[in-house]
Amino acid sequence: MISAATQRGESGCVVAGARRAVAVLVLAVIVLGGAGTSAAEGKQDSVQLPHKVNIRLMRTLERQLSDVEKALVGQAKLPKERVRNVTMSFQNFIDDVVLASGRYTDIYPRAIFDVLCGELKTTKPKTVIGNLLIQYHKSEKFKTIAESRESKSPKNGGAGT
C-alpha cells in the first residue's frame, strides 16, 4: 500500500533534500580539507623552534622532536623519508635513561635542527646520526651551540645580523 505522502511526492522531496545536504557536506570537506592541507603545509614551513626546552614529560619531548623533523622537511627541504624517525634513538635515550630515572633535562631544538641539517645531507645512516645526537646531548654540545647562536641574535644584544 502506498502512503498519502508518497502519492503526493513528499518523500521524494525529503530524499532529494538529503542528497543535496550530503553533496554540500562533501563539497565542504573537499574545499575545507584542501584548505586545511595547505594551511598545515604552510605551518610546516614556518615551524618556530625554541632555543631551549625543559623536558619533564615524554609527550613534551615527542612534540619538540616532531617539530624538529617537520622543520627539517619544511624549512630545510630535506626528503621526508630521510628525516623520518631520525631522532628516535635520541628520544629513546632521553626517555629510558633520563626521564625513567626521575631526572629532567633540557634539550635545544634549534641546535638539534642545525646539526641535523648538516648530518642528513651526508650518507650517514640514521642510527649513526641518532648516536651523534645522544653524544651531543651528553657532552652538552647542543647547549654550547644554542648559547653561541643566542649570543649572536640581535634581539639578545648580540652583534649578529
C-alpha atoms as a PDB file:
ATOM      1  CA  MET A   1       0.000   0.000   0.000  1.00  0.00           C
ATOM      2  CA  ILE A   2       1.328   3.468  -0.899  1.00  0.00           C
ATOM      3  CA  SER A   3       1.098   6.191   1.733  1.00  0.00           C
ATOM      4  CA  ALA A   4      -0.575   9.517   1.076  1.00  0.00           C
ATOM      5  CA  ALA A   5       2.804  11.334   1.472  1.00  0.00           C
ATOM      6  CA  THR A   6       4.370   9.145  -1.201  1.00  0.00           C
ATOM      7  CA  GLN A   7       1.430   9.739  -3.507  1.00  0.00           C
ATOM      8  CA  ARG A   8       1.888  13.496  -3.087  1.00  0.00           C
ATOM      9  CA  GLY A   9       5.639  13.163  -3.796  1.00  0.00           C
ATOM     10  CA  GLU A  10       6.719  14.440  -0.356  1.00  0.00           C
ATOM     11  CA  SER A  11       9.135  11.576   0.291  1.00  0.00           C
ATOM     12  CA  GLY A  12      10.889  12.426  -2.950  1.00  0.00           C
ATOM     13  CA  CYS A  13      11.482  15.948  -1.643  1.00  0.00           C
ATOM     14  CA  VAL A  14      12.931  14.597   1.575  1.00  0.00           C
ATOM     15  CA  VAL A  15      15.255  12.237  -0.303  1.00  0.00           C
ATOM     16  CA  ALA A  16      16.328  14.970  -2.711  1.00  0.00           C
ATOM     17  CA  GLY A  17      16.924  17.323   0.208  1.00  0.00           C
ATOM     18  CA  ALA A  18      19.038  14.700   1.942  1.00  0.00           C
ATOM     19  CA  ARG A  19      21.045  14.141  -1.225  1.00  0.00           C
ATOM     20  CA  ARG A  20      21.609  17.875  -1.552  1.00  0.00           C
ATOM     21  CA  ALA A  21      22.745  18.076   2.078  1.00  0.00           C
ATOM     22  CA  VAL A  22      25.192  15.212   1.557  1.00  0.00           C
ATOM     23  CA  ALA A  23      26.512  16.846  -1.617  1.00  0.00           C
ATOM     24  CA  VAL A  24      27.018  20.138   0.236  1.00  0.00           C
ATOM     25  CA  LEU A  25      28.870  18.332   3.034  1.00  0.00           C
ATOM     26  CA  VAL A  26      31.088  16.508   0.551  1.00  0.00           C
ATOM     27  CA  LEU A  27      31.916  19.779  -1.197  1.00  0.00           C
ATOM     28  CA  ALA A  28      32.646  21.428   2.147  1.00  0.00           C
ATOM     29  CA  VAL A  29      35.003  18.615   3.108  1.00  0.00           C
ATOM     30  CA  ILE A  30      36.762  18.823  -0.250  1.00  0.00           C
ATOM     31  CA  VAL A  31      37.097  22.606  -0.125  1.00  0.00           C
ATOM     32  CA  LEU A  32      37.930  22.879   3.558  1.00  0.00           C
ATOM     33  CA  GLY A  33      40.020  19.717   3.512  1.00  0.00           C
ATOM     34  CA  GLY A  34      42.131  21.171   0.723  1.00  0.00           C
ATOM     35  CA  ALA A  35      42.445  24.479   2.560  1.00  0.00           C
ATOM     36  CA  GLY A  36      43.333  22.635   5.749  1.00  0.00           C
ATOM     37  CA  THR A  37      46.082  20.745   3.965  1.00  0.00           C
ATOM     38  CA  SER A  38      47.509  23.950   2.531  1.00  0.00           C
ATOM     39  CA  ALA A  39      47.383  25.607   5.921  1.00  0.00           C
ATOM     40  CA  ALA A  40      49.112  22.625   7.508  1.00  0.00           C
ATOM     41  CA  GLU A  41      51.802  22.656   4.843  1.00  0.00           C
ATOM     42  CA  GLY A  42      52.230  26.400   5.280  1.00  0.00           C
ATOM     43  CA  LYS A  43      52.539  25.913   9.012  1.00  0.00           C
ATOM     44  CA  GLN A  44      55.107  23.179   8.426  1.00  0.00           C
ATOM     45  CA  ASP A  45      57.266  25.642   6.523  1.00  0.00           C
ATOM     46  CA  SER A  46      57.204  28.119   9.382  1.00  0.00           C
ATOM     47  CA  VAL A  47      57.808  25.958  12.456  1.00  0.00           C
ATOM     48  CA  GLN A  48      59.405  28.144  15.099  1.00  0.00           C
ATOM     49  CA  LEU A  49      61.850  26.100  17.112  1.00  0.00           C
ATOM     50  CA  PRO A  50      62.750  27.301  20.599  1.00  0.00           C
ATOM     51  CA  HIS A  51      66.368  27.542  21.689  1.00  0.00           C
ATOM     52  CA  LYS A  52      65.812  25.598  24.925  1.00  0.00           C
ATOM     53  CA  VAL A  53      63.024  23.416  26.360  1.00  0.00           C
ATOM     54  CA  ASN A  54      62.979  21.776  29.770  1.00  0.00           C
ATOM     55  CA  ILE A  55      61.857  18.163  29.341  1.00  0.00           C
ATOM     56  CA  ARG A  56      59.926  16.608  32.201  1.00  0.00           C
ATOM     57  CA  LEU A  57      57.422  14.534  30.238  1.00  0.00           C
ATOM     58  CA  MET A  58      57.773  12.186  27.301  1.00  0.00           C
ATOM     59  CA  ARG A  59      54.970  13.917  25.381  1.00  0.00           C
ATOM     60  CA  THR A  60      56.838  17.237  25.555  1.00  0.00           C
ATOM     61  CA  LEU A  61      59.935  15.538  24.167  1.00  0.00           C
ATOM     62  CA  GLU A  62      57.926  13.862  21.395  1.00  0.00           C
ATOM     63  CA  ARG A  63      56.287  17.158  20.431  1.00  0.00           C
ATOM     64  CA  GLN A  64      59.583  19.041  20.291  1.00  0.00           C
ATOM     65  CA  LEU A  65      61.373  16.378  18.249  1.00  0.00           C
ATOM     66  CA  SER A  66      58.377  16.103  15.927  1.00  0.00           C
ATOM     67  CA  ASP A  67      58.608  19.861  15.346  1.00  0.00           C
ATOM     68  CA  VAL A  68      62.313  19.500  14.568  1.00  0.00           C
ATOM     69  CA  GLU A  69      61.546  16.805  11.981  1.00  0.00           C
ATOM     70  CA  LYS A  70      58.757  18.927  10.457  1.00  0.00           C
ATOM     71  CA  ALA A  71      61.131  21.873  10.185  1.00  0.00           C
ATOM     72  CA  LEU A  72      63.752  19.692   8.512  1.00  0.00           C
ATOM     73  CA  VAL A  73      61.254  18.756   5.818  1.00  0.00           C
ATOM     74  CA  GLY A  74      59.526  22.139   5.568  1.00  0.00           C
ATOM     75  CA  GLN A  75      62.318  24.657   6.066  1.00  0.00           C
ATOM     76  CA  ALA A  76      65.460  22.724   5.151  1.00  0.00           C
ATOM     77  CA  LYS A  77      63.622  20.946   2.301  1.00  0.00           C
ATOM     78  CA  LEU A  78      65.139  17.581   3.187  1.00  0.00           C
ATOM     79  CA  PRO A  79      63.386  14.437   1.889  1.00  0.00           C
ATOM     80  CA  LYS A  80      60.672  13.198   4.231  1.00  0.00           C
ATOM     81  CA  GLU A  81      61.967   9.616   4.060  1.00  0.00           C
ATOM     82  CA  ARG A  82      65.480  10.716   5.043  1.00  0.00           C
ATOM     83  CA  VAL A  83      64.159  12.718   8.016  1.00  0.00           C
ATOM     84  CA  ARG A  84      61.515  10.289   9.300  1.00  0.00           C
ATOM     85  CA  ASN A  85      62.406   8.957  12.779  1.00  0.00           C
ATOM     86  CA  VAL A  86      65.975  10.279  12.683  1.00  0.00           C
ATOM     87  CA  THR A  87      65.521  11.456  16.294  1.00  0.00           C
ATOM     88  CA  MET A  88      64.084   8.137  17.543  1.00  0.00           C
ATOM     89  CA  SER A  89      67.246   6.807  19.221  1.00  0.00           C
ATOM     90  CA  PHE A  90      67.782  10.193  20.892  1.00  0.00           C
ATOM     91  CA  GLN A  91      64.164  10.179  22.076  1.00  0.00           C
ATOM     92  CA  ASN A  92      64.558   6.635  23.436  1.00  0.00           C
ATOM     93  CA  PHE A  93      67.744   7.623  25.266  1.00  0.00           C
ATOM     94  CA  ILE A  94      66.083  10.617  26.939  1.00  0.00           C
ATOM     95  CA  ASP A  95      63.055   8.523  27.885  1.00  0.00           C
ATOM     96  CA  ASP A  96      64.849   5.356  29.030  1.00  0.00           C
ATOM     97  CA  VAL A  97      67.899   6.884  30.699  1.00  0.00           C
ATOM     98  CA  VAL A  98      66.988  10.385  31.846  1.00  0.00           C
ATOM     99  CA  LEU A  99      63.227  10.546  32.433  1.00  0.00           C
ATOM    100  CA  ALA A 100      62.965   6.940  33.695  1.00  0.00           C
ATOM    101  CA  SER A 101      65.441   7.764  36.461  1.00  0.00           C
ATOM    102  CA  GLY A 102      63.260  10.672  37.611  1.00  0.00           C
ATOM    103  CA  ARG A 103      65.553  13.381  36.274  1.00  0.00           C
ATOM    104  CA  TYR A 104      64.709  16.258  33.994  1.00  0.00           C
ATOM    105  CA  THR A 105      66.778  17.585  31.156  1.00  0.00           C
ATOM    106  CA  ASP A 106      66.983  20.467  28.750  1.00  0.00           C
ATOM    107  CA  ILE A 107      67.006  19.965  25.013  1.00  0.00           C
ATOM    108  CA  TYR A 108      67.857  22.555  22.386  1.00  0.00           C
ATOM    109  CA  PRO A 109      65.511  22.067  19.402  1.00  0.00           C
ATOM    110  CA  ARG A 110      67.050  24.817  17.269  1.00  0.00           C
ATOM    111  CA  ALA A 111      70.566  23.419  17.805  1.00  0.00           C
ATOM    112  CA  ILE A 112      69.315  19.887  17.077  1.00  0.00           C
ATOM    113  CA  PHE A 113      67.794  21.224  13.857  1.00  0.00           C
ATOM    114  CA  ASP A 114      71.076  22.907  12.871  1.00  0.00           C
ATOM    115  CA  VAL A 115      73.118  19.740  13.485  1.00  0.00           C
ATOM    116  CA  LEU A 116      70.631  17.530  11.660  1.00  0.00           C
ATOM    117  CA  CYS A 117      70.549  19.875   8.656  1.00  0.00           C
ATOM    118  CA  GLY A 118      74.215  19.151   8.087  1.00  0.00           C
ATOM    119  CA  GLU A 119      74.241  15.487   9.065  1.00  0.00           C
ATOM    120  CA  LEU A 120      71.230  14.451   6.979  1.00  0.00           C
ATOM    121  CA  LYS A 121      72.891  15.794   3.841  1.00  0.00           C
ATOM    122  CA  THR A 122      75.617  13.169   4.264  1.00  0.00           C
ATOM    123  CA  THR A 123      75.240   9.469   3.545  1.00  0.00           C
ATOM    124  CA  LYS A 124      75.499   8.517   7.228  1.00  0.00           C
ATOM    125  CA  PRO A 125      72.849   6.041   8.397  1.00  0.00           C
ATOM    126  CA  LYS A 126      70.141   7.359  10.707  1.00  0.00           C
ATOM    127  CA  THR A 127      71.431   5.171  13.552  1.00  0.00           C
ATOM    128  CA  VAL A 128      74.835   6.880  13.385  1.00  0.00           C
ATOM    129  CA  ILE A 129      73.180  10.298  13.314  1.00  0.00           C
ATOM    130  CA  GLY A 130      70.959   9.309  16.251  1.00  0.00           C
ATOM    131  CA  ASN A 131      74.014   8.246  18.259  1.00  0.00           C
ATOM    132  CA  LEU A 132      75.618  11.586  17.426  1.00  0.00           C
ATOM    133  CA  LEU A 133      72.571  13.361  18.878  1.00  0.00           C
ATOM    134  CA  ILE A 134      72.980  11.364  22.086  1.00  0.00           C
ATOM    135  CA  GLN A 135      76.684  12.225  22.299  1.00  0.00           C
ATOM    136  CA  TYR A 136      75.985  15.913  21.690  1.00  0.00           C
ATOM    137  CA  HIS A 137      73.385  15.840  24.460  1.00  0.00           C
ATOM    138  CA  LYS A 138      75.679  14.061  26.932  1.00  0.00           C
ATOM    139  CA  SER A 139      78.578  16.413  26.223  1.00  0.00           C
ATOM    140  CA  GLU A 140      76.296  19.494  26.305  1.00  0.00           C
ATOM    141  CA  LYS A 141      77.379  20.415  22.793  1.00  0.00           C
ATOM    142  CA  PHE A 142      73.786  21.363  21.913  1.00  0.00           C
ATOM    143  CA  LYS A 143      73.828  23.800  24.816  1.00  0.00           C
ATOM    144  CA  THR A 144      77.052  25.341  23.505  1.00  0.00           C
ATOM    145  CA  ILE A 145      75.597  25.658  20.002  1.00  0.00           C
ATOM    146  CA  ALA A 146      72.399  27.220  21.349  1.00  0.00           C
ATOM    147  CA  GLU A 147      74.260  29.686  23.558  1.00  0.00           C
ATOM    148  CA  SER A 148      76.559  30.801  20.748  1.00  0.00           C
ATOM    149  CA  ARG A 149      73.563  31.188  18.450  1.00  0.00           C
ATOM    150  CA  GLU A 150      71.664  33.156  21.094  1.00  0.00           C
ATOM    151  CA  SER A 151      74.593  35.481  21.808  1.00  0.00           C
ATOM    152  CA  LYS A 152      74.708  36.361  18.084  1.00  0.00           C
ATOM    153  CA  SER A 153      70.994  37.103  17.965  1.00  0.00           C
ATOM    154  CA  PRO A 154      70.245  40.867  17.595  1.00  0.00           C
ATOM    155  CA  LYS A 155      67.282  40.727  19.978  1.00  0.00           C
ATOM    156  CA  ASN A 156      69.571  39.394  22.689  1.00  0.00           C
ATOM    157  CA  GLY A 157      72.016  42.246  22.358  1.00  0.00           C
ATOM    158  CA  GLY A 158      74.489  40.268  20.254  1.00  0.00           C
ATOM    159  CA  ALA A 159      76.372  41.574  17.262  1.00  0.00           C
ATOM    160  CA  GLY A 160      74.649  39.233  14.786  1.00  0.00           C
ATOM    161  CA  THR A 161      72.695  40.468  11.814  1.00  0.00           C
END
